[in-house]
Amino acid sequence: MALRLLRALTCAVLLLLVAAAPARAEDKDGLEGHAPDEAVQRAYAMISPRIRAEYGFQLRGVAQQVLGSGAPGSKIEFFQKRVKLLAYNRATLIAYCVADAERDRPPTAVPVPWQNNLLLTTCVDEKVGQLQKFSQLAAYADFFFPERIEECGERVRLPDREKVLPPYTFLVIEQPKLYDFARYNECLMKH
């Protein structure tokens, strides 16, 4: 019973994370065809306050769910690590999406609000769909073949991006990892 409750809470956390923020599409090679590292780093720094606010909101929600479920408060730490990891991934995806959308615009061009930037909104829509699919597949995989979660995660990891964008200080975790979620989803189902 406790294991099913823990899995249900994990699924709820993943769904909250997916619904809370946009992210960025990736190609199969991970880095090719993207904006320069400096542009990505500027975008990453720019979105830090938003990511911090979302992380705080999500963590409060997780704490309420854990405590409301009757699970021990020590479970909050487990979920905090997962929330940090997903927030870190989301932040880097958004940063690449923003930098890519601005890559070919001349410096003198009038800024376009993000909601009117078709390249950005398309990228965000695609990535949110991938994250939603991941949250569903991860909950399924965790129940039926949990060994695939870590194995597939290592296959689709993006260590070059981890070097370019380390976690924010409020998201520091022992093993920060970035993933290509489109490939992660594929691996979870075809492995």
Protein backbone atom coordinates (compact mmCIF):
# COMPACT_ATOMS: atom_id res chain seq x y z
CA MET A 1 0.00 0.00 0.00
CA ALA A 2 2.78 2.44 0.93
CA LEU A 3 4.64 1.64 -2.32
CA ARG A 4 1.54 2.36 -4.41
CA LEU A 5 1.02 5.62 -2.52
CA LEU A 6 4.64 6.58 -3.17
CA ARG A 7 4.26 5.81 -6.88
CA ALA A 8 1.03 7.80 -7.05
CA LEU A 9 2.75 10.76 -5.40
CA THR A 10 5.67 10.44 -7.84
CA CYS A 11 3.25 10.51 -10.76
CA ALA A 12 1.48 13.55 -9.29
CA VAL A 13 4.80 15.37 -8.88
CA LEU A 14 5.77 14.65 -12.49
CA LEU A 15 2.41 15.89 -13.75
CA LEU A 16 2.73 19.08 -11.67
CA LEU A 17 6.17 19.69 -13.11
CA VAL A 18 4.99 19.17 -16.66
CA ALA A 19 2.05 21.51 -16.31
CA ALA A 20 4.02 24.22 -14.55
CA ALA A 21 6.49 25.34 -17.19
CA PRO A 22 7.54 25.25 -20.83
CA ALA A 23 10.69 23.68 -22.15
CA ARG A 24 12.79 23.29 -25.33
CA ALA A 25 12.97 20.79 -28.15
CA GLU A 26 16.21 18.94 -28.78
CA ASP A 27 17.66 17.25 -31.81
CA LYS A 28 19.15 13.75 -31.80
CA ASP A 29 22.71 15.08 -31.48
CA GLY A 30 21.91 17.14 -28.41
CA LEU A 31 23.81 20.33 -29.28
CA GLU A 32 24.16 20.72 -33.04
CA GLY A 33 22.35 23.59 -34.68
CA HIS A 34 21.74 25.52 -31.47
CA ALA A 35 22.61 29.00 -30.35
CA PRO A 36 26.11 29.65 -28.98
CA ASP A 37 26.80 28.74 -25.34
CA GLU A 38 26.96 32.41 -24.31
CA ALA A 39 23.44 33.09 -25.59
CA VAL A 40 22.13 30.00 -23.81
CA GLN A 41 23.86 31.02 -20.58
CA ARG A 42 22.29 34.52 -20.79
CA ALA A 43 18.85 33.01 -21.32
CA TYR A 44 19.44 30.59 -18.44
CA ALA A 45 20.41 33.44 -16.10
CA MET A 46 17.41 35.48 -17.25
CA ILE A 47 14.86 32.79 -16.35
CA SER A 48 16.35 31.97 -12.95
CA PRO A 49 13.77 33.98 -10.92
CA ARG A 50 10.89 32.25 -12.68
CA ILE A 51 12.38 28.80 -12.17
CA ARG A 52 13.04 29.60 -8.49
CA ALA A 53 9.42 30.65 -7.98
CA GLU A 54 8.08 27.57 -9.76
CA TYR A 55 10.41 25.29 -7.80
CA GLY A 56 9.24 26.79 -4.49
CA PHE A 57 5.60 26.40 -5.50
CA GLN A 58 6.10 22.80 -6.60
CA LEU A 59 8.02 21.87 -3.48
CA ARG A 60 5.29 23.30 -1.24
CA GLY A 61 2.73 21.26 -3.18
CA VAL A 62 4.77 18.10 -2.81
CA ALA A 63 5.20 18.66 0.92
CA GLN A 64 1.45 19.12 1.32
CA GLN A 65 0.73 15.95 -0.68
CA VAL A 66 3.25 13.87 1.25
CA LEU A 67 2.11 15.09 4.66
CA GLY A 68 -1.56 14.90 3.66
CA SER A 69 -1.14 11.30 2.55
CA GLY A 70 0.08 10.19 5.94
CA ALA A 71 3.51 9.25 4.55
CA PRO A 72 6.46 10.08 6.77
CA GLY A 73 7.89 13.57 6.37
CA SER A 74 11.22 12.00 5.41
CA LYS A 75 9.70 11.22 1.99
CA ILE A 76 9.77 14.94 1.22
CA GLU A 77 13.55 14.78 0.71
CA PHE A 78 13.16 12.07 -1.94
CA PHE A 79 10.63 14.18 -3.83
CA GLN A 80 12.67 17.35 -3.36
CA LYS A 81 15.57 15.73 -5.23
CA ARG A 82 13.25 14.71 -8.06
CA VAL A 83 11.66 18.18 -8.22
CA LYS A 84 15.13 19.75 -8.34
CA LEU A 85 16.27 17.44 -11.12
CA LEU A 86 13.19 18.09 -13.24
CA ALA A 87 13.31 21.86 -12.58
CA TYR A 88 16.97 21.87 -13.65
CA ASN A 89 16.10 20.03 -16.85
CA ARG A 90 13.16 22.32 -17.53
CA ALA A 91 15.29 25.43 -17.01
CA THR A 92 17.95 24.28 -19.45
CA LEU A 93 15.35 23.31 -22.02
CA ILE A 94 13.75 26.74 -21.77
CA ALA A 95 17.15 28.45 -22.02
CA TYR A 96 18.00 26.61 -25.23
CA CYS A 97 14.57 27.34 -26.63
CA VAL A 98 14.86 31.08 -25.90
CA ALA A 99 18.41 31.30 -27.27
CA ASP A 100 17.48 29.38 -30.42
CA ALA A 101 14.46 31.60 -31.03
CA GLU A 102 16.65 34.69 -30.79
CA ARG A 103 19.66 33.25 -32.64
CA ASP A 104 18.95 34.65 -36.12
CA ARG A 105 17.38 37.93 -35.05
CA PRO A 106 19.55 41.00 -35.64
CA PRO A 107 20.60 42.87 -32.48
CA THR A 108 18.65 45.94 -33.60
CA ALA A 109 15.38 44.03 -34.11
CA VAL A 110 12.43 45.00 -31.96
CA PRO A 111 11.94 42.38 -29.23
CA VAL A 112 9.00 40.05 -29.81
CA PRO A 113 6.93 39.06 -26.77
CA TRP A 114 7.43 35.34 -26.17
CA GLN A 115 3.76 34.53 -26.74
CA ASN A 116 4.01 36.09 -30.24
CA ASN A 117 7.26 34.34 -31.16
CA LEU A 118 6.16 31.39 -33.29
CA LEU A 119 9.54 29.66 -33.14
CA LEU A 120 9.60 29.89 -29.35
CA THR A 121 5.98 28.86 -28.79
CA THR A 122 6.33 25.93 -31.20
CA CYS A 123 9.45 24.75 -29.40
CA VAL A 124 7.72 25.12 -26.03
CA ASP A 125 4.60 23.28 -27.18
CA GLU A 126 6.65 20.40 -28.53
CA LYS A 127 8.72 20.07 -25.37
CA VAL A 128 5.73 20.27 -23.04
CA GLY A 129 4.22 17.39 -24.98
CA GLN A 130 7.44 15.41 -24.57
CA LEU A 131 7.52 16.14 -20.85
CA GLN A 132 3.88 15.12 -20.45
CA LYS A 133 4.59 11.89 -22.27
CA PHE A 134 7.66 11.32 -20.13
CA SER A 135 5.70 11.79 -16.91
CA GLN A 136 3.16 9.21 -18.02
CA LEU A 137 5.75 6.75 -19.31
CA ALA A 138 7.97 7.14 -16.25
CA ALA A 139 5.08 6.36 -13.91
CA TYR A 140 4.23 3.31 -16.04
CA ALA A 141 7.86 2.19 -16.30
CA ASP A 142 8.42 2.71 -12.58
CA PHE A 143 5.62 0.26 -11.87
CA PHE A 144 6.33 -2.43 -14.48
CA PHE A 145 10.06 -2.19 -15.28
CA PRO A 146 11.77 0.26 -12.91
CA GLU A 147 15.26 -0.72 -14.09
CA ARG A 148 14.57 1.05 -17.40
CA ILE A 149 14.29 4.47 -15.76
CA GLU A 150 17.97 4.68 -14.85
CA GLU A 151 19.26 2.64 -17.79
CA CYS A 152 17.43 4.75 -20.39
CA GLY A 153 18.31 7.93 -18.51
CA GLU A 154 22.00 7.19 -18.87
CA ARG A 155 21.59 6.47 -22.59
CA VAL A 156 19.96 9.84 -23.32
CA ARG A 157 21.94 12.00 -20.95
CA LEU A 158 23.35 15.29 -22.26
CA PRO A 159 26.68 15.75 -20.41
CA ASP A 160 27.84 18.52 -22.78
CA ARG A 161 24.85 20.59 -21.73
CA GLU A 162 25.56 19.83 -18.07
CA LYS A 163 28.96 21.49 -18.55
CA VAL A 164 27.45 24.57 -20.21
CA LEU A 165 24.63 25.04 -17.70
CA PRO A 166 25.27 23.79 -14.18
CA PRO A 167 22.27 23.81 -11.80
CA TYR A 168 21.29 27.07 -10.12
CA THR A 169 22.44 27.27 -6.50
CA PHE A 170 18.89 26.56 -5.31
CA LEU A 171 18.75 23.42 -7.48
CA VAL A 172 22.11 21.90 -6.58
CA ILE A 173 21.86 18.14 -6.17
CA GLU A 174 24.41 15.39 -5.81
CA GLN A 175 24.16 14.15 -9.40
CA PRO A 176 22.65 16.78 -11.70
CA LYS A 177 21.70 15.25 -15.03
CA LEU A 178 20.16 16.63 -18.20
CA TYR A 179 18.16 14.48 -20.58
CA ASP A 180 16.83 14.40 -24.12
CA PHE A 181 13.21 13.59 -23.24
CA ALA A 182 12.16 12.64 -26.77
CA ARG A 183 14.80 9.91 -26.82
CA TYR A 184 14.10 9.04 -23.17
CA ASN A 185 10.44 8.35 -24.03
CA GLU A 186 11.46 6.23 -26.99
CA CYS A 187 13.90 4.21 -24.91
CA LEU A 188 11.39 3.57 -22.13
CA MET A 189 8.99 1.95 -24.57
CA LYS A 190 11.38 0.17 -26.96
CA HIS A 191 13.97 -1.12 -24.54
